[in-house]
Amino acid sequence: MSFKDNLANFAVGLVNGGYSDKEISSYKLCLIFSLLCEDGDLFLGKPFSSLVLENKADALLFSVRLYDFFAVLLYGL
């Protein structure tokens, strides 16, 4: 499955979860930003990849941690 397909499936999952178009756009922007930062070594220690790998078995925990990660990126919380 291609990255584009995975991103589309991610967006469909968010729509089904009741997220607005603006929230979905923000999530996708943060996702792409995180991947580019890791690829360009702007994130020390690959925190986004670690988040995904450490929480892939528990979807609920992953969702919460992903939200927290993106909140830091967007709002500096």
Protein backbone atom coordinates (compact mmCIF):
# COMPACT_ATOMS: atom_id res chain seq x y z
CA MET A 1 0.00 0.00 0.00
CA SER A 2 1.39 3.40 -0.93
CA PHE A 3 1.85 6.37 1.39
CA LYS A 4 -0.96 8.17 -0.45
CA ASP A 5 -3.31 5.23 0.16
CA ASN A 6 -2.33 5.06 3.83
CA LEU A 7 -2.91 8.79 4.24
CA ALA A 8 -6.31 8.49 2.54
CA ASN A 9 -7.27 5.60 4.86
CA PHE A 10 -6.13 7.67 7.83
CA ALA A 11 -8.36 10.56 6.71
CA VAL A 12 -11.34 8.23 6.21
CA GLY A 13 -10.82 6.87 9.73
CA LEU A 14 -10.82 10.41 11.12
CA VAL A 15 -14.00 11.27 9.19
CA ASN A 16 -15.66 8.14 10.58
CA GLY A 17 -14.46 9.19 14.03
CA GLY A 18 -16.35 12.48 13.75
CA TYR A 19 -13.41 14.82 13.11
CA SER A 20 -14.00 18.02 11.14
CA ASP A 21 -12.29 18.82 7.85
CA LYS A 22 -10.11 21.39 9.62
CA GLU A 23 -9.01 18.85 12.25
CA ILE A 24 -8.23 16.28 9.56
CA SER A 25 -6.18 18.82 7.60
CA SER A 26 -4.24 19.68 10.76
CA TYR A 27 -3.56 16.02 11.51
CA LYS A 28 -2.34 15.37 7.96
CA LEU A 29 -0.15 18.48 8.02
CA CYS A 30 1.41 17.44 11.34
CA LEU A 31 1.92 13.90 10.05
CA ILE A 32 3.73 15.04 6.91
CA PHE A 33 5.70 17.66 8.86
CA SER A 34 6.80 15.02 11.37
CA LEU A 35 7.92 12.64 8.64
CA LEU A 36 9.86 15.37 6.84
CA CYS A 37 11.51 16.53 10.07
CA GLU A 38 12.63 13.01 10.86
CA ASP A 39 13.87 12.45 7.33
CA GLY A 40 15.85 15.70 7.49
CA ASP A 41 17.20 14.93 11.00
CA LEU A 42 15.46 17.96 12.52
CA PHE A 43 13.94 15.80 15.26
CA LEU A 44 16.65 14.36 17.46
CA GLY A 45 16.16 10.71 18.29
CA LYS A 46 13.30 10.05 15.83
CA PRO A 47 10.47 10.75 18.34
CA PHE A 48 7.66 10.29 15.80
CA SER A 49 8.89 6.89 14.61
CA SER A 50 9.39 5.82 18.22
CA LEU A 51 5.85 6.89 19.06
CA VAL A 52 4.42 4.82 16.21
CA LEU A 53 6.54 1.73 16.90
CA GLU A 54 6.02 1.75 20.67
CA ASN A 55 2.23 2.20 20.51
CA LYS A 56 1.18 0.27 17.42
CA ALA A 57 -0.34 -2.59 19.42
CA ASP A 58 -2.80 -0.40 21.34
CA ALA A 59 -4.89 1.82 19.06
CA LEU A 60 -6.48 3.81 21.90
CA LEU A 61 -3.15 4.57 23.57
CA PHE A 62 -1.65 5.41 20.18
CA SER A 63 -4.46 7.85 19.49
CA VAL A 64 -3.93 9.66 22.79
CA ARG A 65 -0.15 9.82 22.39
CA LEU A 66 -0.43 10.97 18.77
CA TYR A 67 -2.79 13.74 19.84
CA ASP A 68 -0.34 14.80 22.56
CA PHE A 69 2.58 14.76 20.11
CA PHE A 70 0.70 16.93 17.62
CA ALA A 71 -0.50 19.29 20.38
CA VAL A 72 3.13 20.00 21.21
CA LEU A 73 3.86 20.70 17.54
CA LEU A 74 0.84 22.97 17.09
CA TYR A 75 0.55 24.69 20.42
CA GLY A 76 3.83 24.07 22.24
CA LEU A 77 2.01 22.46 25.18
